[in-house]
Protein backbone atom coordinates (compact mmCIF):
# COMPACT_ATOMS: atom_id res chain seq x y z
CA MET A 1 90.30 -31.21 -37.06
CA LYS A 2 89.87 -27.87 -35.36
CA ARG A 3 86.40 -27.22 -34.00
CA ILE A 4 84.55 -23.99 -34.43
CA GLN A 5 83.97 -22.78 -30.88
CA HIS A 6 80.40 -22.99 -29.60
CA LEU A 7 79.05 -20.48 -27.14
CA ASN A 8 77.87 -22.39 -24.08
CA ILE A 9 74.46 -20.85 -23.54
CA THR A 10 74.03 -22.83 -20.38
CA PRO A 11 76.18 -24.58 -17.92
CA TRP A 12 74.44 -27.90 -18.62
CA ILE A 13 71.01 -26.46 -18.70
CA PHE A 14 68.13 -28.17 -17.34
CA SER A 15 64.67 -27.70 -18.23
CA ALA A 16 65.66 -26.08 -19.86
CA SER A 17 68.39 -27.33 -21.48
CA ILE A 18 71.93 -27.57 -22.11
CA LEU A 19 71.33 -25.24 -25.03
CA LEU A 20 74.65 -24.97 -26.78
CA ALA A 21 74.19 -22.19 -29.28
CA PRO A 22 75.40 -23.59 -32.53
CA LEU A 23 77.48 -22.04 -35.14
CA ALA A 24 77.28 -25.46 -36.69
CA ILE A 25 80.50 -27.26 -37.50
CA ALA A 26 81.08 -28.11 -41.12
CA ALA A 27 81.54 -31.81 -40.39
CA ASP A 28 81.23 -34.12 -37.40
CA ASP A 29 84.26 -34.68 -35.27
CA LYS A 30 84.46 -38.41 -36.00
CA ALA A 31 86.86 -39.19 -33.18
CA ASP A 32 84.58 -37.61 -30.58
CA ALA A 33 81.53 -39.27 -32.08
CA GLU A 34 83.17 -42.68 -31.91
CA LYS A 35 84.07 -42.08 -28.26
CA SER A 36 80.48 -41.11 -27.55
CA ASP A 37 79.18 -44.27 -29.24
CA LYS A 38 81.63 -46.41 -27.32
CA ALA A 39 80.76 -44.85 -23.98
CA GLU A 40 77.04 -45.19 -24.63
CA ASN A 41 77.21 -48.82 -25.70
CA SER A 42 79.55 -49.76 -22.85
CA GLN A 43 76.60 -49.39 -20.50
CA PRO A 44 74.43 -52.46 -20.01
CA ALA A 45 71.58 -52.54 -22.51
CA ALA A 46 68.11 -52.32 -21.05
CA THR A 47 66.69 -55.78 -21.63
CA ASN A 48 63.55 -55.47 -19.50
CA TYR A 49 60.94 -53.43 -21.33
CA GLU A 50 58.06 -54.29 -19.05
CA THR A 51 55.92 -51.24 -18.39
CA VAL A 52 54.90 -50.51 -14.81
CA THR A 53 51.32 -49.23 -14.51
CA LYS A 54 49.66 -47.85 -11.41
CA ALA A 55 46.15 -46.53 -10.77
CA ALA A 56 45.78 -43.26 -8.88
CA ASP A 57 43.51 -40.28 -8.51
CA ILE A 58 43.74 -36.58 -7.80
CA THR A 59 41.34 -33.72 -7.18
CA ILE A 60 41.52 -31.00 -9.82
CA ASP A 61 39.16 -28.05 -9.93
CA GLY A 62 37.06 -29.70 -7.21
CA LYS A 63 36.56 -32.93 -9.16
CA LYS A 64 38.05 -36.38 -8.69
CA VAL A 65 40.23 -37.39 -11.62
CA SER A 66 41.16 -41.07 -11.81
CA TYR A 67 44.07 -42.03 -14.02
CA GLU A 68 46.68 -44.61 -14.87
CA VAL A 69 50.34 -43.68 -14.76
CA SER A 70 52.62 -45.90 -16.85
CA ALA A 71 56.41 -45.84 -16.86
CA GLY A 72 58.32 -47.89 -19.38
CA LYS A 73 60.15 -48.08 -22.66
CA LEU A 74 59.15 -48.07 -26.28
CA THR A 75 61.71 -49.49 -28.69
CA LEU A 76 62.83 -48.05 -32.00
CA ASN A 77 63.83 -50.41 -34.81
CA ASP A 78 65.27 -49.85 -38.25
CA ASP A 79 63.60 -50.98 -41.48
CA LYS A 80 65.09 -54.46 -41.04
CA GLY A 81 63.74 -54.83 -37.52
CA LYS A 82 67.08 -54.33 -35.78
CA LEU A 83 66.83 -52.82 -32.30
CA LYS A 84 68.30 -49.31 -32.39
CA ALA A 85 67.15 -47.59 -29.19
CA SER A 86 64.73 -47.68 -26.28
CA ILE A 87 62.93 -44.52 -25.22
CA PHE A 88 61.77 -44.19 -21.65
CA HIS A 89 58.54 -42.32 -21.09
CA THR A 90 55.89 -41.72 -18.46
CA SER A 91 52.28 -41.40 -19.54
CA TYR A 92 49.12 -40.35 -17.70
CA ILE A 93 45.75 -41.42 -19.10
CA ARG A 94 42.49 -40.49 -17.42
CA THR A 95 40.28 -43.51 -16.68
CA ASN A 96 37.00 -42.32 -15.14
CA ILE A 97 35.53 -41.18 -18.46
CA ASP A 98 33.55 -42.95 -21.17
CA ASN A 99 35.11 -41.41 -24.29
CA THR A 100 38.90 -41.52 -24.56
CA ILE A 101 39.21 -40.99 -28.28
CA ASP A 102 38.04 -37.35 -28.14
CA ARG A 103 40.46 -36.46 -25.36
CA PRO A 104 43.53 -34.48 -26.38
CA VAL A 105 46.94 -36.03 -25.78
CA MET A 106 50.00 -33.85 -25.20
CA PHE A 107 53.59 -34.97 -25.73
CA ALA A 108 55.97 -32.97 -23.55
CA PHE A 109 59.75 -32.78 -23.50
CA ASN A 110 62.51 -30.53 -22.29
CA GLY A 111 65.60 -29.43 -24.10
CA GLY A 112 69.33 -29.49 -23.82
CA PRO A 113 70.24 -31.16 -25.98
CA GLY A 114 70.80 -33.63 -23.16
CA SER A 115 67.93 -33.01 -20.78
CA SER A 116 65.30 -35.48 -19.64
CA SER A 117 61.68 -34.34 -19.33
CA VAL A 118 61.87 -34.17 -15.54
CA TRP A 119 61.38 -30.39 -15.35
CA LEU A 120 58.03 -30.24 -17.13
CA HIS A 121 56.98 -33.58 -15.67
CA ILE A 122 57.29 -32.87 -11.95
CA GLY A 123 57.58 -29.10 -12.14
CA MET A 124 54.48 -28.11 -14.07
CA LEU A 125 52.24 -30.55 -15.93
CA GLY A 126 52.06 -33.86 -14.09
CA PRO A 127 49.53 -34.73 -11.38
CA ARG A 128 52.42 -35.01 -8.90
CA VAL A 129 54.88 -32.13 -8.66
CA LEU A 130 57.81 -30.93 -6.61
CA ASN A 131 56.80 -29.51 -3.24
CA VAL A 132 58.63 -26.19 -3.58
CA THR A 133 58.03 -23.59 -0.88
CA GLY A 134 57.94 -19.86 -1.45
CA ASP A 135 57.91 -18.16 -4.84
CA GLY A 136 60.64 -20.23 -6.47
CA THR A 137 63.53 -17.93 -5.58
CA LYS A 138 64.67 -19.39 -2.24
CA PRO A 139 66.86 -22.45 -1.57
CA GLN A 140 64.95 -25.58 -0.59
CA LYS A 141 65.81 -27.74 2.41
CA PRO A 142 66.63 -31.27 1.18
CA PRO A 143 65.19 -33.71 0.55
CA VAL A 144 62.39 -32.10 -1.44
CA ARG A 145 59.42 -34.41 -1.90
CA MET A 146 56.35 -34.54 -4.12
CA LYS A 147 52.78 -33.31 -3.69
CA ASP A 148 49.55 -33.41 -5.67
CA ASN A 149 49.32 -30.79 -8.39
CA PRO A 150 45.89 -29.14 -8.46
CA PHE A 151 47.00 -27.16 -11.52
CA SER A 152 47.73 -30.16 -13.74
CA ILE A 153 45.76 -30.26 -17.00
CA LEU A 154 45.21 -34.03 -16.69
CA ASP A 155 41.49 -33.49 -16.17
CA GLU A 156 41.27 -32.21 -19.75
CA CYS A 157 44.26 -33.74 -21.53
CA ASP A 158 46.29 -36.98 -21.36
CA LEU A 159 50.03 -36.48 -20.94
CA VAL A 160 53.12 -38.27 -22.24
CA PHE A 161 56.59 -37.21 -21.06
CA ILE A 162 59.41 -38.23 -23.39
CA ASP A 163 63.09 -38.68 -22.52
CA PRO A 164 65.06 -38.49 -25.80
CA VAL A 165 67.79 -41.06 -26.47
CA SER A 166 70.63 -40.94 -23.90
CA THR A 167 68.55 -38.97 -21.37
CA GLY A 168 66.57 -40.39 -18.46
CA TYR A 169 66.56 -44.17 -18.88
CA SER A 170 66.52 -43.91 -22.70
CA ARG A 171 69.50 -45.53 -24.41
CA THR A 172 70.86 -46.73 -27.71
CA GLU A 173 70.64 -50.49 -27.99
CA LYS A 174 72.77 -53.25 -29.55
CA ASP A 175 72.23 -52.31 -33.20
CA GLY A 176 72.20 -48.55 -32.69
CA LYS A 177 74.80 -45.82 -32.42
CA SER A 178 74.45 -42.65 -30.40
CA SER A 179 75.36 -40.68 -33.52
CA ASP A 180 72.11 -42.00 -35.05
CA PHE A 181 70.18 -39.89 -32.53
CA HIS A 182 72.42 -37.02 -31.40
CA GLY A 183 71.65 -34.34 -33.94
CA LEU A 184 69.06 -31.76 -34.89
CA ASN A 185 67.33 -33.86 -37.56
CA ALA A 186 68.08 -37.28 -36.06
CA ASP A 187 66.53 -36.17 -32.76
CA ILE A 188 63.38 -34.89 -34.48
CA GLU A 189 63.07 -38.13 -36.45
CA SER A 190 63.53 -40.43 -33.43
CA VAL A 191 61.10 -38.50 -31.22
CA GLY A 192 58.69 -38.39 -34.16
CA GLU A 193 58.92 -42.17 -34.53
CA PHE A 194 58.25 -42.55 -30.81
CA ILE A 195 55.13 -40.39 -31.09
CA ARG A 196 53.89 -42.37 -34.12
CA LYS A 197 54.36 -45.68 -32.33
CA TRP A 198 52.76 -44.46 -29.09
CA ILE A 199 49.75 -43.08 -30.96
CA THR A 200 49.36 -46.38 -32.85
CA LYS A 201 49.79 -48.57 -29.77
CA HIS A 202 47.18 -46.62 -27.82
CA ASP A 203 44.69 -46.17 -30.70
CA ARG A 204 44.87 -42.38 -30.54
CA TRP A 205 45.14 -41.43 -34.19
CA ALA A 206 41.68 -39.84 -33.99
CA SER A 207 42.50 -37.84 -30.84
CA PRO A 208 43.54 -34.17 -30.88
CA LYS A 209 47.35 -34.04 -30.60
CA TYR A 210 49.59 -31.41 -29.01
CA LEU A 211 53.30 -30.87 -28.46
CA LEU A 212 54.86 -28.89 -25.62
CA GLY A 213 58.59 -28.19 -25.73
CA GLU A 214 60.62 -26.19 -23.26
CA SER A 215 63.84 -24.34 -24.15
CA TYR A 216 65.67 -26.39 -26.85
CA GLY A 217 62.51 -28.49 -26.73
CA GLY A 218 60.96 -25.63 -28.71
CA ILE A 219 63.44 -26.32 -31.52
CA ARG A 220 62.37 -29.98 -31.39
CA ALA A 221 58.65 -29.09 -31.32
CA ALA A 222 58.96 -26.76 -34.29
CA GLY A 223 60.78 -29.43 -36.27
CA LEU A 224 58.27 -32.08 -35.27
CA SER A 225 55.31 -29.94 -36.32
CA ASP A 226 56.52 -30.18 -39.91
CA HIS A 227 58.07 -33.68 -39.72
CA LEU A 228 55.03 -35.46 -38.24
CA GLN A 229 52.83 -33.95 -40.91
CA SER A 230 55.08 -34.47 -43.92
CA ARG A 231 56.34 -37.94 -42.90
CA PHE A 232 53.27 -39.54 -41.34
CA GLY A 233 50.38 -37.31 -42.33
CA MET A 234 49.86 -36.55 -38.63
CA SER A 235 48.39 -33.06 -38.44
CA LEU A 236 48.69 -31.49 -35.02
CA ASN A 237 46.15 -29.36 -33.21
CA GLY A 238 48.63 -27.29 -31.26
CA VAL A 239 52.28 -26.58 -30.44
CA VAL A 240 53.37 -24.94 -27.19
CA LEU A 241 56.75 -23.17 -27.06
CA LEU A 242 57.63 -22.68 -23.40
CA SER A 243 60.69 -20.51 -22.64
CA SER A 244 61.87 -21.48 -26.08
CA LEU A 245 63.77 -20.27 -29.10
CA LEU A 246 63.60 -20.89 -32.83
CA ASP A 247 66.67 -19.05 -34.09
CA PHE A 248 70.04 -19.21 -32.35
CA ARG A 249 71.01 -15.81 -33.76
CA THR A 250 68.75 -14.32 -31.10
CA LEU A 251 70.92 -15.79 -28.34
CA GLN A 252 74.43 -15.87 -29.74
CA ALA A 253 76.54 -12.77 -30.12
CA ALA A 254 79.12 -12.66 -32.87
CA GLN A 255 81.34 -9.97 -34.32
CA GLY A 256 79.24 -7.93 -36.71
CA SER A 257 75.99 -9.49 -35.48
CA ASP A 258 74.30 -7.41 -32.77
CA LEU A 259 70.76 -8.79 -32.74
CA VAL A 260 71.28 -10.53 -29.40
CA TYR A 261 71.69 -7.20 -27.58
CA SER A 262 68.32 -5.93 -28.78
CA VAL A 263 66.71 -9.25 -27.84
CA PHE A 264 68.04 -9.18 -24.26
CA LEU A 265 67.47 -5.51 -23.44
CA PRO A 266 63.73 -5.77 -22.56
CA ALA A 267 64.51 -8.64 -20.14
CA PHE A 268 67.22 -6.50 -18.52
CA THR A 269 64.56 -3.84 -17.98
CA THR A 270 62.00 -6.19 -16.41
CA THR A 271 64.73 -7.68 -14.19
CA ALA A 272 65.88 -4.23 -13.04
CA HIS A 273 62.29 -3.31 -12.27
CA TYR A 274 61.74 -6.51 -10.27
CA HIS A 275 64.73 -5.67 -8.06
CA ASN A 276 63.57 -2.03 -7.66
CA ALA A 277 66.67 -0.78 -9.45
CA ILE A 278 64.41 1.31 -11.70
CA GLN A 279 61.00 2.75 -10.88
CA GLY A 280 57.78 3.10 -12.81
CA ASP A 281 55.08 0.96 -14.39
CA ARG A 282 56.67 -2.32 -15.45
CA ASP A 283 54.62 -2.78 -18.60
CA ASP A 284 55.24 0.80 -19.72
CA LEU A 285 58.99 0.39 -19.12
CA LEU A 286 58.93 -2.87 -21.07
CA LYS A 287 57.23 -1.16 -23.99
CA GLN A 288 59.84 1.62 -23.94
CA ALA A 289 62.70 -0.89 -23.78
CA THR A 290 61.35 -2.94 -26.69
CA GLU A 291 60.81 0.08 -28.92
CA PHE A 292 64.26 1.44 -28.06
CA ALA A 293 65.88 -1.99 -28.57
CA TYR A 294 64.74 -2.23 -32.18
CA GLY A 295 64.82 1.50 -32.85
CA ASP A 296 67.55 3.91 -31.77
CA TYR A 297 69.59 1.22 -30.00
CA ALA A 298 69.62 -1.17 -32.96
CA ASN A 299 70.47 1.70 -35.30
CA ALA A 300 73.37 2.75 -33.08
CA LEU A 301 74.74 -0.80 -32.92
CA THR A 302 74.70 -1.19 -36.70
CA GLN A 303 76.91 1.89 -37.03
CA GLY A 304 79.75 0.28 -35.12
CA ASN A 305 82.79 2.58 -34.90
CA ALA A 306 81.07 5.15 -37.10
CA LEU A 307 78.78 6.12 -34.20
CA SER A 308 79.77 9.57 -32.94
CA PRO A 309 80.99 10.07 -29.34
CA GLN A 310 77.98 12.22 -28.52
CA ALA A 311 75.56 9.64 -29.93
CA ARG A 312 77.30 6.95 -27.88
CA LYS A 313 76.75 8.97 -24.71
CA THR A 314 73.11 9.60 -25.59
CA ILE A 315 72.46 5.88 -26.14
CA ALA A 316 74.36 4.97 -22.94
CA ALA A 317 72.25 7.41 -20.93
CA LYS A 318 69.03 5.83 -22.20
CA LEU A 319 70.41 2.36 -21.44
CA GLU A 320 71.12 3.48 -17.89
CA ASP A 321 67.53 4.71 -17.55
CA LEU A 322 66.20 1.34 -18.73
CA THR A 323 68.53 -0.92 -16.75
CA SER A 324 70.14 1.14 -13.93
CA ILE A 325 73.55 -0.04 -15.17
CA ASP A 326 75.64 3.15 -15.26
CA GLN A 327 76.62 4.85 -18.50
CA ASP A 328 80.34 4.27 -17.95
CA THR A 329 79.80 0.50 -17.86
CA TRP A 330 77.78 0.58 -21.07
CA LEU A 331 80.42 2.72 -22.76
CA LYS A 332 83.22 0.48 -21.51
CA HIS A 333 81.45 -2.47 -23.18
CA ASN A 334 80.80 -0.58 -26.43
CA LEU A 335 77.07 -0.44 -25.63
CA ARG A 336 77.00 -4.24 -25.80
CA LEU A 337 76.45 -5.83 -22.40
CA HIS A 338 76.44 -9.63 -22.15
CA ALA A 339 73.81 -11.10 -19.81
CA SER A 340 76.51 -12.57 -17.54
CA VAL A 341 77.92 -9.07 -16.98
CA PHE A 342 74.46 -7.62 -16.33
CA ARG A 343 73.79 -10.41 -13.82
CA SER A 344 76.91 -9.48 -11.85
CA LYS A 345 76.47 -5.68 -12.03
CA LEU A 346 72.82 -5.04 -11.19
CA LEU A 347 73.00 -5.76 -7.45
CA ASP A 348 76.21 -5.14 -5.54
CA GLY A 349 77.66 -8.37 -4.14
CA LYS A 350 74.93 -10.52 -5.68
CA SER A 351 74.77 -12.87 -8.67
CA LEU A 352 71.44 -12.98 -10.43
CA GLY A 353 70.07 -16.19 -11.85
CA ARG A 354 70.36 -16.90 -15.54
CA PHE A 355 67.28 -19.07 -15.70
CA ASP A 356 65.42 -16.81 -13.32
CA SER A 357 66.89 -13.38 -12.64
CA ARG A 358 64.56 -12.95 -9.64
CA VAL A 359 66.99 -15.23 -7.82
CA ALA A 360 69.84 -13.22 -6.26
CA TRP A 361 72.42 -14.99 -4.12
CA ASN A 362 75.78 -13.86 -2.79
CA THR A 363 78.48 -13.56 -5.42
CA ALA A 364 80.83 -16.54 -5.45
CA ASP A 365 83.81 -14.59 -6.81
CA LYS A 366 83.73 -10.90 -5.95
CA SER A 367 86.75 -10.19 -8.14
CA SER A 368 84.99 -11.43 -11.27
CA SER A 369 83.46 -8.93 -13.71
CA TYR A 370 80.73 -11.38 -14.72
CA ALA A 371 78.43 -13.87 -12.97
CA THR A 372 80.42 -17.05 -12.33
CA TYR A 373 77.46 -19.27 -11.50
CA ASP A 374 73.71 -19.45 -11.84
CA PRO A 375 71.94 -19.55 -8.45
CA SER A 376 68.59 -20.37 -10.10
CA TYR A 377 70.17 -23.52 -11.54
CA SER A 378 71.68 -24.43 -8.18
CA LEU A 379 68.28 -23.97 -6.57
CA ALA A 380 66.58 -26.51 -8.84
CA LEU A 381 68.96 -29.29 -9.85
CA GLY A 382 69.28 -31.25 -6.61
CA ALA A 383 65.62 -30.85 -5.70
CA PHE A 384 64.37 -32.14 -9.05
CA SER A 385 66.87 -35.00 -9.24
CA THR A 386 66.10 -36.41 -5.81
CA ALA A 387 62.34 -36.01 -6.12
CA MET A 388 62.21 -37.60 -9.58
CA LEU A 389 64.12 -40.71 -8.57
CA ASP A 390 62.02 -41.11 -5.44
CA TYR A 391 58.83 -40.69 -7.46
CA LEU A 392 59.76 -43.20 -10.16
CA GLY A 393 61.10 -45.78 -7.74
CA ARG A 394 59.02 -45.57 -4.59
CA GLU A 395 55.71 -44.17 -5.82
CA ILE A 396 55.41 -45.69 -9.30
CA GLY A 397 57.64 -48.72 -8.77
CA TYR A 398 59.89 -48.39 -11.83
CA LYS A 399 63.58 -49.05 -11.18
CA GLU A 400 66.67 -49.77 -13.26
CA ASP A 401 70.26 -50.46 -12.32
CA GLN A 402 71.53 -47.86 -14.77
CA HIS A 403 71.61 -44.19 -13.86
CA TYR A 404 68.66 -41.96 -14.70
CA GLU A 405 70.27 -39.15 -16.68
CA ILE A 406 68.59 -35.96 -15.52
CA LEU A 407 71.11 -34.00 -17.59
CA THR A 408 73.93 -35.43 -19.62
CA SER A 409 76.79 -34.32 -21.84
CA LYS A 410 76.79 -37.74 -23.52
CA VAL A 411 74.74 -36.38 -26.40
CA HIS A 412 77.77 -34.44 -27.61
CA PRO A 413 79.09 -33.97 -30.20
CA TRP A 414 75.68 -32.88 -31.49
CA ASN A 415 75.18 -32.67 -35.25
CA TRP A 416 73.50 -29.33 -35.94
CA ASN A 417 72.77 -30.09 -39.63
CA SER A 418 73.28 -26.45 -40.49
CA ASN A 419 76.13 -26.27 -43.02
CA ASN A 420 78.05 -23.64 -41.06
CA ARG A 421 74.94 -21.51 -40.46
CA HIS A 422 73.08 -20.67 -37.28
CA VAL A 423 70.27 -23.10 -36.52
CA ASN A 424 66.90 -21.55 -37.34
CA VAL A 425 63.77 -23.72 -37.44
CA ALA A 426 61.23 -20.92 -37.75
CA ASP A 427 60.72 -21.92 -41.38
CA ARG A 428 59.72 -25.45 -40.32
CA LEU A 429 57.05 -24.13 -37.99
CA ALA A 430 55.91 -21.68 -40.66
CA THR A 431 55.59 -24.55 -43.15
CA ALA A 432 53.49 -26.55 -40.69
CA LEU A 433 51.23 -23.52 -40.18
CA ARG A 434 50.94 -23.00 -43.93
CA ASP A 435 50.01 -26.62 -44.62
CA ASN A 436 47.73 -26.91 -41.59
CA PRO A 437 45.87 -23.59 -41.18
CA GLU A 438 44.04 -24.99 -38.13
CA LEU A 439 47.30 -25.47 -36.21
CA LYS A 440 47.55 -23.22 -33.14
CA VAL A 441 50.76 -22.08 -31.45
CA LEU A 442 51.06 -20.86 -27.86
CA VAL A 443 54.23 -19.06 -26.76
CA MET A 444 54.76 -19.04 -22.97
CA SER A 445 57.46 -16.62 -21.78
CA GLY A 446 58.80 -15.49 -18.40
CA HIS A 447 59.68 -11.83 -17.85
CA THR A 448 62.82 -12.68 -15.83
CA ASP A 449 64.23 -15.34 -18.17
CA LEU A 450 67.84 -14.47 -19.08
CA ALA A 451 68.46 -17.83 -20.77
CA THR A 452 65.86 -17.57 -23.53
CA PRO A 453 64.30 -14.11 -23.06
CA PRO A 454 60.78 -13.50 -24.40
CA GLU A 455 61.99 -11.45 -27.36
CA SER A 456 63.82 -14.48 -28.77
CA VAL A 457 60.70 -16.24 -30.08
CA ALA A 458 58.88 -12.94 -30.57
CA TYR A 459 61.53 -11.80 -33.03
CA SER A 460 61.33 -15.10 -34.94
CA VAL A 461 57.53 -14.95 -35.13
CA ARG A 462 57.62 -11.38 -36.45
CA HIS A 463 59.92 -12.58 -39.21
CA MET A 464 57.65 -15.32 -40.53
CA LEU A 465 57.04 -12.88 -43.36
CA ASP A 466 55.24 -15.21 -45.75
CA LEU A 467 52.47 -16.21 -43.34
CA PRO A 468 49.11 -14.60 -44.15
CA LYS A 469 47.54 -12.47 -41.43
CA SER A 470 44.83 -15.06 -40.75
CA THR A 471 47.47 -17.69 -40.01
CA ARG A 472 49.61 -15.35 -37.89
CA GLU A 473 46.57 -14.91 -35.68
CA ASN A 474 46.94 -18.60 -34.73
CA ILE A 475 50.06 -17.67 -32.76
CA ASN A 476 49.43 -16.26 -29.28
CA THR A 477 51.86 -15.25 -26.53
CA VAL A 478 51.30 -15.22 -22.78
CA PHE A 479 53.69 -13.86 -20.13
CA TYR A 480 54.61 -14.84 -16.59
CA GLU A 481 56.32 -13.08 -13.70
CA GLY A 482 59.01 -15.74 -13.24
CA GLY A 483 61.85 -16.86 -15.44
CA HIS A 484 62.74 -19.85 -17.62
CA MET A 485 60.96 -22.23 -15.24
CA PHE A 486 58.26 -19.75 -14.30
CA TYR A 487 56.12 -22.62 -13.03
CA LEU A 488 58.24 -22.74 -9.85
CA ASN A 489 56.38 -19.56 -8.90
CA PRO A 490 52.96 -20.77 -7.58
CA ALA A 491 51.07 -17.84 -9.09
CA ASP A 492 52.56 -18.58 -12.50
CA LEU A 493 51.83 -22.31 -12.18
CA LYS A 494 48.18 -21.49 -11.54
CA LYS A 495 48.08 -19.11 -14.51
CA SER A 496 49.75 -21.68 -16.78
CA ARG A 497 46.85 -24.08 -16.23
CA GLN A 498 44.34 -21.40 -17.20
CA ASP A 499 46.31 -20.50 -20.33
CA LEU A 500 46.71 -24.13 -21.41
CA LEU A 501 43.04 -24.96 -20.88
CA LYS A 502 42.08 -21.99 -23.03
CA PHE A 503 44.53 -23.17 -25.68
CA LEU A 504 43.13 -26.72 -25.65
CA LYS A 505 39.58 -25.59 -26.39
CA PRO A 506 38.51 -26.47 -29.97
């Protein structure tokens, strides 16, 4: 069977995700799925589910916070009790308080599909984080180790980091198949079952509950917001979409579909401003770029070949003003510039980062007309991998013989459950908001994110047309100077704590 080609939105994205933008295939490729099942089950099953727990403390906001960190597995069974999968997770529960039940608990996960939760865990939220020097744009000397995180929200909220099936140490077990978990809906259902079981085991049904998903994790969080409520009656207090998306049309270009170019233009402008390629007030330029993107620019793109030569030149001139990319380049590309081309053209001899376009390293292939690698990905992968394994093994004391899958392609083929349509879960989040008017949503976006630019979720939110104004006011957006993993910038990490604490307030 011939596959419909998927646009690889990331070169095995971390944190972010592997984010394969899906024009969903009409049916699963059974041969590939069987190979995936076989490869998954050929690995030794995890038979030791003993949780390792350690007491620790940290100073946050000038106060001592004592907590227990637990690393272990929670098993998923079918209706007949057969063991289907084991999900590895790390939880942090504050101990030096009298009342646990009123404390919020936040479930956090990254994206992919195929990413563990390592990026949020030791990059932003946990009490121990990666000891990154500088502003998150420079290479780090290995090995990178861990340090206390004074900007963790553990003083106000318990934390649970989830590795979906086949990531981290999570695996299918003897009676399960990887195809039972590797899909849009199957993933939401399995993570939802994990959350239900964790809440029950720890007697936290009466606690305020939050989800935080990064990148493709935002797709999962949006789906969970509806699934947890409709399946288990578990109403959430809040959902955080960090560097996320809801609708793949905002990221995937296709013939006759030009939305992606309007979505990316404002991020091109903020990136050009960061690198001093254009001058002026950044926020004013961003406002101009956004209005132009959905105004004259969008109108010009919809005209296709009917756009007059003079109008083409006028649009190209404005695009040059907003991005510093010359008119001839815009005209050569029919006014439609892919992010990989922009990343190679903005600075001579440099490739900009996809996850964080503040990062600019020497071009790997000077003859290429587009960016051939992502220096912001190269900056992070080794540092996070080494630090995470050291933290789990040496500091917490949890070890397994099998490999901890920071990122994996073993989740593919992924079933997009979309009947040959683009994946769009905005309606699921809208349904959760409709049925739970007290639900709050926080959108966290980085100005220099060229993987999931801020306008991606913003566009989806603006098109939740059936939500009443009072409910739309439950959705708030905050911005950061960095990119997809803005928390690698210390100033943004500090600001993220302030924004999350404000969001957690009743």
